[in-house]
PDB file of N, CA and C in Angstrom:
ATOM      1  N   MET A   1      20.600-106.027  -2.061  1.00  0.00           N
ATOM      2  CA  MET A   1      19.964-105.055  -2.922  1.00  0.00           C
ATOM      3  C   MET A   1      19.689-105.718  -4.248  1.00  0.00           C
ATOM      4  N   GLY A   2      18.740-105.187  -4.970  1.00  0.00           N
ATOM      5  CA  GLY A   2      18.272-105.817  -6.195  1.00  0.00           C
ATOM      6  C   GLY A   2      19.244-105.694  -7.328  1.00  0.00           C
ATOM      7  N   PRO A   3      18.825-106.182  -8.499  1.00  0.00           N
ATOM      8  CA  PRO A   3      19.683-106.099  -9.660  1.00  0.00           C
ATOM      9  C   PRO A   3      19.967-104.659 -10.007  1.00  0.00           C
ATOM     10  N   ALA A   4      21.095-104.437 -10.590  1.00  0.00           N
ATOM     11  CA  ALA A   4      21.499-103.070 -10.890  1.00  0.00           C
ATOM     12  C   ALA A   4      21.525-102.838 -12.384  1.00  0.00           C
ATOM     13  N   GLY A   5      21.546-101.592 -12.751  1.00  0.00           N
ATOM     14  CA  GLY A   5      21.614-101.221 -14.155  1.00  0.00           C
ATOM     15  C   GLY A   5      22.159 -99.821 -14.246  1.00  0.00           C
ATOM     16  N   GLY A   6      21.870 -99.148 -15.330  1.00  0.00           N
ATOM     17  CA  GLY A   6      22.352 -97.790 -15.536  1.00  0.00           C
ATOM     18  C   GLY A   6      21.372 -96.780 -15.005  1.00  0.00           C
ATOM     19  N   ALA A   7      21.338 -95.618 -15.648  1.00  0.00           N
ATOM     20  CA  ALA A   7      20.440 -94.548 -15.219  1.00  0.00           C
ATOM     21  C   ALA A   7      19.005 -94.958 -15.457  1.00  0.00           C
ATOM     22  N   ARG A   8      18.122 -94.499 -14.599  1.00  0.00           N
ATOM     23  CA  ARG A   8      16.699 -94.785 -14.716  1.00  0.00           C
ATOM     24  C   ARG A   8      15.957 -93.488 -14.888  1.00  0.00           C
ATOM     25  N   GLY A   9      14.707 -93.601 -15.288  1.00  0.00           N
ATOM     26  CA  GLY A   9      13.865 -92.419 -15.410  1.00  0.00           C
ATOM     27  C   GLY A   9      13.670 -91.764 -14.057  1.00  0.00           C
ATOM     28  N   GLY A  10      13.309 -90.480 -14.059  1.00  0.00           N
ATOM     29  CA  GLY A  10      13.048 -89.778 -12.809  1.00  0.00           C
ATOM     30  C   GLY A  10      14.304 -89.339 -12.104  1.00  0.00           C
ATOM     31  N   GLY A  11      15.454 -89.403 -12.791  1.00  0.00           N
ATOM     32  CA  GLY A  11      16.688 -88.947 -12.188  1.00  0.00           C
ATOM     33  C   GLY A  11      17.316 -89.927 -11.216  1.00  0.00           C
ATOM     34  N   GLU A  12      16.755 -91.131 -11.097  1.00  0.00           N
ATOM     35  CA  GLU A  12      17.314 -92.117 -10.185  1.00  0.00           C
ATOM     36  C   GLU A  12      18.413 -92.887 -10.898  1.00  0.00           C
ATOM     37  N   GLN A  13      19.476 -93.195 -10.173  1.00  0.00           N
ATOM     38  CA  GLN A  13      20.554 -93.994 -10.715  1.00  0.00           C
ATOM     39  C   GLN A  13      20.640 -95.285  -9.934  1.00  0.00           C
ATOM     40  N   ARG A  14      20.730 -96.387 -10.659  1.00  0.00           N
ATOM     41  CA  ARG A  14      20.949 -97.679 -10.010  1.00  0.00           C
ATOM     42  C   ARG A  14      22.445 -97.893  -9.880  1.00  0.00           C
ATOM     43  N   LEU A  15      22.826 -98.706  -8.949  1.00  0.00           N
ATOM     44  CA  LEU A  15      24.235 -99.012  -8.745  1.00  0.00           C
ATOM     45  C   LEU A  15      24.707-100.002  -9.803  1.00  0.00           C
ATOM     46  N   PRO A  16      25.959 -99.879 -10.218  1.00  0.00           N
ATOM     47  CA  PRO A  16      26.504-100.816 -11.196  1.00  0.00           C
ATOM     48  C   PRO A  16      26.455-102.247 -10.671  1.00  0.00           C
ATOM     49  N   GLU A  17      26.208-103.188 -11.556  1.00  0.00           N
ATOM     50  CA  GLU A  17      26.127-104.608 -11.205  1.00  0.00           C
ATOM     51  C   GLU A  17      27.358-105.034 -10.414  1.00  0.00           C
ATOM     52  N   GLY A  18      27.144-105.695  -9.286  1.00  0.00           N
ATOM     53  CA  GLY A  18      28.231-106.245  -8.497  1.00  0.00           C
ATOM     54  C   GLY A  18      28.960-105.262  -7.601  1.00  0.00           C
ATOM     55  N   SER A  19      28.574-103.999  -7.603  1.00  0.00           N
ATOM     56  CA  SER A  19      29.312-103.038  -6.790  1.00  0.00           C
ATOM     57  C   SER A  19      28.439-102.324  -5.774  1.00  0.00           C
ATOM     58  N   ALA A  20      27.223-102.785  -5.568  1.00  0.00           N
ATOM     59  CA  ALA A  20      26.287-102.087  -4.689  1.00  0.00           C
ATOM     60  C   ALA A  20      26.834-101.932  -3.275  1.00  0.00           C
ATOM     61  N   THR A  21      27.265-103.012  -2.681  1.00  0.00           N
ATOM     62  CA  THR A  21      27.730-102.954  -1.300  1.00  0.00           C
ATOM     63  C   THR A  21      28.953-102.052  -1.174  1.00  0.00           C
ATOM     64  N   GLU A  22      29.925-102.240  -2.052  1.00  0.00           N
ATOM     65  CA  GLU A  22      31.145-101.431  -2.015  1.00  0.00           C
ATOM     66  C   GLU A  22      30.834 -99.948  -2.212  1.00  0.00           C
ATOM     67  N   THR A  23      29.960 -99.642  -3.166  1.00  0.00           N
ATOM     68  CA  THR A  23      29.622 -98.246  -3.450  1.00  0.00           C
ATOM     69  C   THR A  23      28.900 -97.603  -2.283  1.00  0.00           C
ATOM     70  N   VAL A  24      27.870 -98.263  -1.770  1.00  0.00           N
ATOM     71  CA  VAL A  24      27.068 -97.704  -0.685  1.00  0.00           C
ATOM     72  C   VAL A  24      27.912 -97.479   0.561  1.00  0.00           C
ATOM     73  N   TYR A  25      28.658 -98.481   0.970  1.00  0.00           N
ATOM     74  CA  TYR A  25      29.455 -98.317   2.188  1.00  0.00           C
ATOM     75  C   TYR A  25      30.594 -97.335   1.987  1.00  0.00           C
ATOM     76  N   GLY A  26      31.107 -97.211   0.766  1.00  0.00           N
ATOM     77  CA  GLY A  26      32.112 -96.192   0.472  1.00  0.00           C
ATOM     78  C   GLY A  26      31.542 -94.793   0.625  1.00  0.00           C
ATOM     79  N   LEU A  27      30.332 -94.583   0.104  1.00  0.00           N
ATOM     80  CA  LEU A  27      29.673 -93.278   0.231  1.00  0.00           C
ATOM     81  C   LEU A  27      29.406 -92.950   1.698  1.00  0.00           C
ATOM     82  N   ILE A  28      28.945 -93.933   2.448  1.00  0.00           N
ATOM     83  CA  ILE A  28      28.686 -93.718   3.874  1.00  0.00           C
ATOM     84  C   ILE A  28      29.995 -93.404   4.598  1.00  0.00           C
ATOM     85  N   ARG A  29      31.025 -94.182   4.317  1.00  0.00           N
ATOM     86  CA  ARG A  29      32.341 -93.953   4.948  1.00  0.00           C
ATOM     87  C   ARG A  29      32.841 -92.539   4.688  1.00  0.00           C
ATOM     88  N   ASP A  30      32.601 -92.056   3.462  1.00  0.00           N
ATOM     89  CA  ASP A  30      33.075 -90.730   3.062  1.00  0.00           C
ATOM     90  C   ASP A  30      32.122 -89.608   3.464  1.00  0.00           C
ATOM     91  N   GLY A  31      31.046 -89.951   4.181  1.00  0.00           N
ATOM     92  CA  GLY A  31      30.111 -88.934   4.650  1.00  0.00           C
ATOM     93  C   GLY A  31      29.204 -88.388   3.561  1.00  0.00           C
ATOM     94  N   LYS A  32      29.068 -89.108   2.461  1.00  0.00           N
ATOM     95  CA  LYS A  32      28.235 -88.664   1.338  1.00  0.00           C
ATOM     96  C   LYS A  32      26.850 -89.299   1.435  1.00  0.00           C
ATOM     97  N   HIS A  33      26.191 -89.020   2.553  1.00  0.00           N
ATOM     98  CA  HIS A  33      24.898 -89.636   2.828  1.00  0.00           C
ATOM     99  C   HIS A  33      23.832 -89.218   1.824  1.00  0.00           C
ATOM    100  N   GLY A  34      23.843 -87.952   1.394  1.00  0.00           N
ATOM    101  CA  GLY A  34      22.863 -87.483   0.425  1.00  0.00           C
ATOM    102  C   GLY A  34      22.980 -88.211  -0.905  1.00  0.00           C
ATOM    103  N   GLU A  35      24.197 -88.432  -1.357  1.00  0.00           N
ATOM    104  CA  GLU A  35      24.423 -89.167  -2.603  1.00  0.00           C
ATOM    105  C   GLU A  35      24.003 -90.627  -2.439  1.00  0.00           C
ATOM    106  N   CYS A  36      24.288 -91.171  -1.283  1.00  0.00           N
ATOM    107  CA  CYS A  36      23.905 -92.549  -0.992  1.00  0.00           C
ATOM    108  C   CYS A  36      22.382 -92.705  -1.009  1.00  0.00           C
ATOM    109  N   ILE A  37      21.669 -91.701  -0.504  1.00  0.00           N
ATOM    110  CA  ILE A  37      20.201 -91.732  -0.502  1.00  0.00           C
ATOM    111  C   ILE A  37      19.674 -91.861  -1.930  1.00  0.00           C
ATOM    112  N   LYS A  38      20.293 -91.165  -2.880  1.00  0.00           N
ATOM    113  CA  LYS A  38      19.851 -91.252  -4.275  1.00  0.00           C
ATOM    114  C   LYS A  38      19.954 -92.677  -4.794  1.00  0.00           C
ATOM    115  N   PHE A  39      21.099 -93.307  -4.571  1.00  0.00           N
ATOM    116  CA  PHE A  39      21.282 -94.676  -5.043  1.00  0.00           C
ATOM    117  C   PHE A  39      20.351 -95.654  -4.334  1.00  0.00           C
ATOM    118  N   LEU A  40      20.256 -95.520  -3.013  1.00  0.00           N
ATOM    119  CA  LEU A  40      19.415 -96.435  -2.250  1.00  0.00           C
ATOM    120  C   LEU A  40      17.936 -96.263  -2.582  1.00  0.00           C
ATOM    121  N   SER A  41      17.521 -95.052  -2.881  1.00  0.00           N
ATOM    122  CA  SER A  41      16.123 -94.823  -3.275  1.00  0.00           C
ATOM    123  C   SER A  41      15.806 -95.551  -4.571  1.00  0.00           C
ATOM    124  N   ALA A  42      16.759 -95.557  -5.504  1.00  0.00           N
ATOM    125  CA  ALA A  42      16.568 -96.291  -6.757  1.00  0.00           C
ATOM    126  C   ALA A  42      16.486 -97.789  -6.483  1.00  0.00           C
ATOM    127  N   GLU A  43      17.328 -98.274  -5.573  1.00  0.00           N
ATOM    128  CA  GLU A  43      17.281 -99.686  -5.207  1.00  0.00           C
ATOM    129  C   GLU A  43      15.936-100.031  -4.567  1.00  0.00           C
ATOM    130  N   LEU A  44      15.442 -99.142  -3.715  1.00  0.00           N
ATOM    131  CA  LEU A  44      14.176 -99.381  -3.039  1.00  0.00           C
ATOM    132  C   LEU A  44      13.011 -99.350  -4.021  1.00  0.00           C
ATOM    133  N   SER A  45      13.106 -98.528  -5.050  1.00  0.00           N
ATOM    134  CA  SER A  45      12.065 -98.502  -6.085  1.00  0.00           C
ATOM    135  C   SER A  45      11.984 -99.844  -6.804  1.00  0.00           C
ATOM    136  N   ALA A  46      13.123-100.465  -7.015  1.00  0.00           N
ATOM    137  CA  ALA A  46      13.172-101.751  -7.701  1.00  0.00           C
ATOM    138  C   ALA A  46      12.759-102.904  -6.785  1.00  0.00           C
ATOM    139  N   ALA A  47      13.015-102.744  -5.494  1.00  0.00           N
ATOM    140  CA  ALA A  47      12.709-103.801  -4.518  1.00  0.00           C
ATOM    141  C   ALA A  47      12.161-103.142  -3.253  1.00  0.00           C
ATOM    142  N   PRO A  48      10.861-102.816  -3.239  1.00  0.00           N
ATOM    143  CA  PRO A  48      10.264-102.032  -2.146  1.00  0.00           C
ATOM    144  C   PRO A  48      10.367-102.639  -0.746  1.00  0.00           C
ATOM    145  N   SER A  49      10.633-103.928  -0.651  1.00  0.00           N
ATOM    146  CA  SER A  49      10.761-104.527   0.677  1.00  0.00           C
ATOM    147  C   SER A  49      12.203-104.950   0.953  1.00  0.00           C
ATOM    148  N   SER A  50      13.150-104.274   0.319  1.00  0.00           N
ATOM    149  CA  SER A  50      14.566-104.587   0.530  1.00  0.00           C
ATOM    150  C   SER A  50      14.998-104.171   1.929  1.00  0.00           C
ATOM    151  N   ARG A  51      15.293-105.150   2.744  1.00  0.00           N
ATOM    152  CA  ARG A  51      15.718-104.874   4.114  1.00  0.00           C
ATOM    153  C   ARG A  51      17.000-104.046   4.159  1.00  0.00           C
ATOM    154  N   PRO A  52      18.034-104.387   3.347  1.00  0.00           N
ATOM    155  CA  PRO A  52      19.247-103.558   3.376  1.00  0.00           C
ATOM    156  C   PRO A  52      18.995-102.122   2.925  1.00  0.00           C
ATOM    157  N   ALA A  53      18.208-101.942   1.857  1.00  0.00           N
ATOM    158  CA  ALA A  53      17.955-100.582   1.359  1.00  0.00           C
ATOM    159  C   ALA A  53      17.190 -99.760   2.394  1.00  0.00           C
ATOM    160  N   LEU A  54      16.174-100.336   3.003  1.00  0.00           N
ATOM    161  CA  LEU A  54      15.399 -99.617   4.018  1.00  0.00           C
ATOM    162  C   LEU A  54      16.269 -99.249   5.213  1.00  0.00           C
ATOM    163  N   SER A  55      17.055-100.189   5.682  1.00  0.00           N
ATOM    164  CA  SER A  55      17.899 -99.945   6.843  1.00  0.00           C
ATOM    165  C   SER A  55      18.931 -98.859   6.558  1.00  0.00           C
ATOM    166  N   LEU A  56      19.615 -98.972   5.426  1.00  0.00           N
ATOM    167  CA  LEU A  56      20.641 -97.989   5.095  1.00  0.00           C
ATOM    168  C   LEU A  56      20.043 -96.630   4.752  1.00  0.00           C
ATOM    169  N   LEU A  57      18.855 -96.620   4.152  1.00  0.00           N
ATOM    170  CA  LEU A  57      18.175 -95.336   3.912  1.00  0.00           C
ATOM    171  C   LEU A  57      17.838 -94.662   5.231  1.00  0.00           C
ATOM    172  N   GLY A  58      17.353 -95.430   6.194  1.00  0.00           N
ATOM    173  CA  GLY A  58      17.081 -94.868   7.516  1.00  0.00           C
ATOM    174  C   GLY A  58      18.331 -94.262   8.122  1.00  0.00           C
ATOM    175  N   TYR A  59      19.422 -94.981   8.029  1.00  0.00           N
ATOM    176  CA  TYR A  59      20.697 -94.507   8.556  1.00  0.00           C
ATOM    177  C   TYR A  59      21.135 -93.217   7.863  1.00  0.00           C
ATOM    178  N   CYS A  60      21.057 -93.198   6.538  1.00  0.00           N
ATOM    179  CA  CYS A  60      21.501 -92.015   5.780  1.00  0.00           C
ATOM    180  C   CYS A  60      20.588 -90.816   6.016  1.00  0.00           C
ATOM    181  N   HIS A  61      19.287 -91.047   6.040  1.00  0.00           N
ATOM    182  CA  HIS A  61      18.366 -89.938   6.319  1.00  0.00           C
ATOM    183  C   HIS A  61      18.647 -89.345   7.702  1.00  0.00           C
ATOM    184  N   TYR A  62      18.928 -90.200   8.656  1.00  0.00           N
ATOM    185  CA  TYR A  62      19.260 -89.723  10.000  1.00  0.00           C
ATOM    186  C   TYR A  62      20.490 -88.814   9.950  1.00  0.00           C
ATOM    187  N   HIS A  63      21.496 -89.241   9.211  1.00  0.00           N
ATOM    188  CA  HIS A  63      22.756 -88.487   9.173  1.00  0.00           C
ATOM    189  C   HIS A  63      22.686 -87.198   8.379  1.00  0.00           C
ATOM    190  N   VAL A  64      21.675 -87.035   7.529  1.00  0.00           N
ATOM    191  CA  VAL A  64      21.497 -85.736   6.857  1.00  0.00           C
ATOM    192  C   VAL A  64      20.496 -84.873   7.612  1.00  0.00           C
ATOM    193  N   GLY A  65      19.985 -85.381   8.724  1.00  0.00           N
ATOM    194  CA  GLY A  65      19.071 -84.606   9.556  1.00  0.00           C
ATOM    195  C   GLY A  65      17.612 -84.701   9.172  1.00  0.00           C
ATOM    196  N   ASP A  66      17.278 -85.643   8.285  1.00  0.00           N
ATOM    197  CA  ASP A  66      15.881 -85.837   7.887  1.00  0.00           C
ATOM    198  C   ASP A  66      15.292 -86.948   8.758  1.00  0.00           C
ATOM    199  N   TYR A  67      14.986 -86.572  10.002  1.00  0.00           N
ATOM    200  CA  TYR A  67      14.565 -87.552  10.992  1.00  0.00           C
ATOM    201  C   TYR A  67      13.202 -88.160  10.688  1.00  0.00           C
ATOM    202  N   ASP A  68      12.316 -87.395  10.053  1.00  0.00           N
ATOM    203  CA  ASP A  68      11.015 -87.954   9.680  1.00  0.00           C
ATOM    204  C   ASP A  68      11.179 -89.063   8.652  1.00  0.00           C
ATOM    205  N   ALA A  69      12.038 -88.831   7.657  1.00  0.00           N
ATOM    206  CA  ALA A  69      12.278 -89.860   6.632  1.00  0.00           C
ATOM    207  C   ALA A  69      12.968 -91.071   7.251  1.00  0.00           C
ATOM    208  N   ALA A  70      13.907 -90.826   8.164  1.00  0.00           N
ATOM    209  CA  ALA A  70      14.581 -91.936   8.840  1.00  0.00           C
ATOM    210  C   ALA A  70      13.569 -92.767   9.619  1.00  0.00           C
ATOM    211  N   ALA A  71      12.707 -92.092  10.361  1.00  0.00           N
ATOM    212  CA  ALA A  71      11.694 -92.798  11.143  1.00  0.00           C
ATOM    213  C   ALA A  71      10.758 -93.587  10.236  1.00  0.00           C
ATOM    214  N   ALA A  72      10.420 -93.029   9.073  1.00  0.00           N
ATOM    215  CA  ALA A  72       9.544 -93.730   8.131  1.00  0.00           C
ATOM    216  C   ALA A  72      10.206 -95.016   7.625  1.00  0.00           C
ATOM    217  N   MET A  73      11.514 -94.964   7.370  1.00  0.00           N
ATOM    218  CA  MET A  73      12.227 -96.171   6.912  1.00  0.00           C
ATOM    219  C   MET A  73      12.214 -97.234   8.004  1.00  0.00           C
ATOM    220  N   TYR A  74      12.509 -96.831   9.247  1.00  0.00           N
ATOM    221  CA  TYR A  74      12.534 -97.792  10.345  1.00  0.00           C
ATOM    222  C   TYR A  74      11.133 -98.309  10.665  1.00  0.00           C
ATOM    223  N   ASP A  75      10.127 -97.463  10.480  1.00  0.00           N
ATOM    224  CA  ASP A  75       8.751 -97.912  10.675  1.00  0.00           C
ATOM    225  C   ASP A  75       8.402 -98.982   9.646  1.00  0.00           C
ATOM    226  N   GLN A  76       8.787 -98.742   8.398  1.00  0.00           N
ATOM    227  CA  GLN A  76       8.513 -99.717   7.346  1.00  0.00           C
ATOM    228  C   GLN A  76       9.265-101.025   7.640  1.00  0.00           C
ATOM    229  N   LEU A  77      10.497-100.922   8.101  1.00  0.00           N
ATOM    230  CA  LEU A  77      11.252-102.122   8.473  1.00  0.00           C
ATOM    231  C   LEU A  77      10.539-102.903   9.571  1.00  0.00           C
ATOM    232  N   SER A  78      10.046-102.204  10.588  1.00  0.00           N
ATOM    233  CA  SER A  78       9.392-102.894  11.694  1.00  0.00           C
ATOM    234  C   SER A  78       8.095-103.564  11.263  1.00  0.00           C
ATOM    235  N   ARG A  79       7.452-102.994  10.252  1.00  0.00           N
ATOM    236  CA  ARG A  79       6.219-103.608   9.742  1.00  0.00           C
ATOM    237  C   ARG A  79       6.527-104.813   8.849  1.00  0.00           C
ATOM    238  N   LEU A  80       7.569-104.705   8.022  1.00  0.00           N
ATOM    239  CA  LEU A  80       7.922-105.788   7.105  1.00  0.00           C
ATOM    240  C   LEU A  80       8.669-106.921   7.805  1.00  0.00           C
ATOM    241  N   PHE A  81       9.437-106.592   8.830  1.00  0.00           N
ATOM    242  CA  PHE A  81      10.278-107.576   9.504  1.00  0.00           C
ATOM    243  C   PHE A  81      10.102-107.483  11.016  1.00  0.00           C
ATOM    244  N   PRO A  82       8.885-107.752  11.503  1.00  0.00           N
ATOM    245  CA  PRO A  82       8.626-107.597  12.940  1.00  0.00           C
ATOM    246  C   PRO A  82       9.457-108.539  13.805  1.00  0.00           C
ATOM    247  N   GLU A  83       9.905-109.644  13.230  1.00  0.00           N
ATOM    248  CA  GLU A  83      10.690-110.602  14.004  1.00  0.00           C
ATOM    249  C   GLU A  83      12.032-110.021  14.451  1.00  0.00           C
ATOM    250  N   ALA A  84      12.526-109.029  13.722  1.00  0.00           N
ATOM    251  CA  ALA A  84      13.808-108.415  14.088  1.00  0.00           C
ATOM    252  C   ALA A  84      13.665-107.632  15.387  1.00  0.00           C
ATOM    253  N   GLY A  85      12.575-106.887  15.521  1.00  0.00           N
ATOM    254  CA  GLY A  85      12.227-106.234  16.768  1.00  0.00           C
ATOM    255  C   GLY A  85      13.150-105.158  17.276  1.00  0.00           C
ATOM    256  N   HIS A  86      14.105-104.699  16.477  1.00  0.00           N
ATOM    257  CA  HIS A  86      15.024-103.687  16.990  1.00  0.00           C
ATOM    258  C   HIS A  86      15.110-102.451  16.098  1.00  0.00           C
ATOM    259  N   TRP A  87      14.152-102.250  15.234  1.00  0.00           N
ATOM    260  CA  TRP A  87      14.197-101.118  14.306  1.00  0.00           C
ATOM    261  C   TRP A  87      13.733 -99.817  14.941  1.00  0.00           C
ATOM    262  N   GLY A  88      13.082 -99.860  16.021  1.00  0.00           N
ATOM    263  CA  GLY A  88      12.530 -98.661  16.633  1.00  0.00           C
ATOM    264  C   GLY A  88      11.389 -99.114  17.511  1.00  0.00           C
ATOM    265  N   ASN A  89      10.326 -98.343  17.531  1.00  0.00           N
ATOM    266  CA  ASN A  89       9.183 -98.754  18.317  1.00  0.00           C
ATOM    267  C   ASN A  89       7.917 -98.477  17.532  1.00  0.00           C
ATOM    268  N   SER A  90       6.784 -98.650  18.142  1.00  0.00           N
ATOM    269  CA  SER A  90       5.518 -98.510  17.436  1.00  0.00           C
ATOM    270  C   SER A  90       5.218 -97.073  17.037  1.00  0.00           C
ATOM    271  N   LYS A  91       6.047 -96.152  17.458  1.00  0.00           N
ATOM    272  CA  LYS A  91       5.836 -94.752  17.097  1.00  0.00           C
ATOM    273  C   LYS A  91       6.696 -94.376  15.894  1.00  0.00           C
ATOM    274  N   GLY A  92       6.901 -95.318  14.994  1.00  0.00           N
ATOM    275  CA  GLY A  92       7.609 -95.018  13.761  1.00  0.00           C
ATOM    276  C   GLY A  92       9.096 -94.828  13.924  1.00  0.00           C
ATOM    277  N   GLY A  93       9.718 -95.595  14.776  1.00  0.00           N
ATOM    278  CA  GLY A  93      11.165 -95.500  14.935  1.00  0.00           C
ATOM    279  C   GLY A  93      11.599 -94.339  15.799  1.00  0.00           C
ATOM    280  N   ALA A  94      10.696 -93.809  16.605  1.00  0.00           N
ATOM    281  CA  ALA A  94      11.029 -92.647  17.423  1.00  0.00           C
ATOM    282  C   ALA A  94      12.197 -92.924  18.357  1.00  0.00           C
ATOM    283  N   ALA A  95      12.430 -94.178  18.682  1.00  0.00           N
ATOM    284  CA  ALA A  95      13.551 -94.495  19.571  1.00  0.00           C
ATOM    285  C   ALA A  95      14.883 -94.125  18.944  1.00  0.00           C
ATOM    286  N   LEU A  96      14.906 -93.912  17.642  1.00  0.00           N
ATOM    287  CA  LEU A  96      16.148 -93.595  16.963  1.00  0.00           C
ATOM    288  C   LEU A  96      16.332 -92.099  16.749  1.00  0.00           C
ATOM    289  N   LEU A  97      15.372 -91.301  17.124  1.00  0.00           N
ATOM    290  CA  LEU A  97      15.489 -89.869  16.930  1.00  0.00           C
ATOM    291  C   LEU A  97      16.452 -89.282  17.955  1.00  0.00           C
ATOM    292  N   PRO A  98      17.192 -88.234  17.571  1.00  0.00           N
ATOM    293  CA  PRO A  98      18.231 -87.709  18.456  1.00  0.00           C
ATOM    294  C   PRO A  98      17.721 -87.255  19.816  1.00  0.00           C
ATOM    295  N   GLU A  99      16.528 -86.668  19.883  1.00  0.00           N
ATOM    296  CA  GLU A  99      16.036 -86.214  21.178  1.00  0.00           C
ATOM    297  C   GLU A  99      15.731 -87.392  22.092  1.00  0.00           C
ATOM    298  N   THR A 100      15.397 -88.532  21.520  1.00  0.00           N
ATOM    299  CA  THR A 100      15.132 -89.720  22.309  1.00  0.00           C
ATOM    300  C   THR A 100      16.431 -90.324  22.815  1.00  0.00           C
ATOM    301  N   LEU A 101      17.470 -90.250  22.000  1.00  0.00           N
ATOM    302  CA  LEU A 101      18.751 -90.814  22.376  1.00  0.00           C
ATOM    303  C   LEU A 101      19.636 -89.817  23.121  1.00  0.00           C
ATOM    304  N   ASN A 102      19.148 -88.582  23.263  1.00  0.00           N
ATOM    305  CA  ASN A 102      19.924 -87.510  23.874  1.00  0.00           C
ATOM    306  C   ASN A 102      21.226 -87.258  23.125  1.00  0.00           C
ATOM    307  N   LEU A 103      21.152 -87.329  21.798  1.00  0.00           N
ATOM    308  CA  LEU A 103      22.294 -87.059  20.944  1.00  0.00           C
ATOM    309  C   LEU A 103      22.070 -85.753  20.216  1.00  0.00           C
ATOM    310  N   LYS A 104      23.154 -85.136  19.849  1.00  0.00           N
ATOM    311  CA  LYS A 104      23.068 -83.956  19.016  1.00  0.00           C
ATOM    312  C   LYS A 104      23.635 -84.331  17.659  1.00  0.00           C
ATOM    313  N   PRO A 105      22.877 -84.123  16.584  1.00  0.00           N
ATOM    314  CA  PRO A 105      23.366 -84.534  15.267  1.00  0.00           C
ATOM    315  C   PRO A 105      24.591 -83.751  14.845  1.00  0.00           C
TER     316      PRO A 105
END
């Protein structure tokens, strides 16, 4: 994730310098996906092609039930990093949607 700082305009908060990974994974561990989305969105604003931010945003959006946003993150990942080849499919990450996986959120 990109460089961090304090509060930013638009209500976005960047993660404190040196604590991005610990903070994000702590929020995910604690089930605070919505709060994590706020921080990761600020990171993505600073670095629009951040592979970690896109991937974790997709994960968090999925866990709050915003499947369209999750699919959009995975679609962007597949376009930016086609060599990875496991972000979803050409239908915008539809392979990760619960009805495709037969999962109930």
